[in-house]
Amino acid sequence: MNTLKNSLSKMVKHTAEAALKRDANSTTCFAVYQPKAPQSLKKFSKVNNDK
């Protein structure tokens, strides 16, 4: 049972490290569109943006 647990642990660790290395060394280019919020939602804001 202990060897199975160790083997599974090593496999999961290796898989996670490989995924992290792949993701850290890749670049992503995408655009995010965020529409303007309606004025009626201003009353729910916790930020005071009186400009």
Protein backbone atom coordinates (compact mmCIF):
# COMPACT_ATOMS: atom_id res chain seq x y z
CA MET A 1 0.00 0.00 0.00
CA ASN A 2 2.83 2.37 0.87
CA THR A 3 4.63 1.81 -2.45
CA LEU A 4 1.42 2.45 -4.36
CA LYS A 5 0.94 5.70 -2.47
CA ASN A 6 4.55 6.75 -3.16
CA SER A 7 4.27 5.89 -6.84
CA LEU A 8 1.02 7.77 -7.21
CA SER A 9 2.45 10.74 -5.33
CA LYS A 10 5.51 10.88 -7.61
CA MET A 11 3.34 10.61 -10.71
CA VAL A 12 1.05 13.42 -9.60
CA LYS A 13 4.04 15.60 -8.68
CA HIS A 14 5.69 15.01 -12.05
CA THR A 15 2.47 15.76 -13.93
CA ALA A 16 1.88 18.97 -11.98
CA GLU A 17 5.45 20.17 -12.48
CA ALA A 18 5.30 19.44 -16.21
CA ALA A 19 2.03 21.37 -16.53
CA LEU A 20 3.42 24.32 -14.58
CA LYS A 21 6.60 24.44 -16.69
CA ARG A 22 4.56 24.32 -19.89
CA ASP A 23 2.19 27.06 -18.74
CA ALA A 24 4.94 29.29 -17.34
CA ASN A 25 6.92 29.16 -20.58
CA SER A 26 4.03 29.89 -22.90
CA THR A 27 2.62 33.26 -23.84
CA THR A 28 -0.98 34.10 -24.29
CA CYS A 29 -2.36 36.95 -26.30
CA PHE A 30 -5.99 37.79 -25.94
CA ALA A 31 -8.23 40.82 -25.66
CA VAL A 32 -10.81 41.35 -22.97
CA TYR A 33 -13.88 43.42 -23.63
CA GLN A 34 -15.59 44.91 -20.62
CA PRO A 35 -18.64 47.01 -21.43
CA LYS A 36 -19.44 50.16 -19.51
CA ALA A 37 -21.66 49.52 -16.49
CA PRO A 38 -25.02 51.30 -16.47
CA GLN A 39 -25.35 54.32 -14.17
CA SER A 40 -28.05 52.48 -12.19
CA LEU A 41 -25.36 50.08 -10.88
CA LYS A 42 -23.27 52.93 -9.48
CA LYS A 43 -25.13 52.75 -6.15
CA PHE A 44 -23.74 49.23 -5.56
CA SER A 45 -20.10 50.27 -6.00
CA LYS A 46 -17.80 50.26 -2.97
CA VAL A 47 -15.35 52.54 -4.78
CA ASN A 48 -15.92 56.29 -4.72
CA ASN A 49 -15.07 57.50 -8.24
CA ASP A 50 -16.41 61.06 -8.15
CA LYS A 51 -14.38 62.66 -10.93
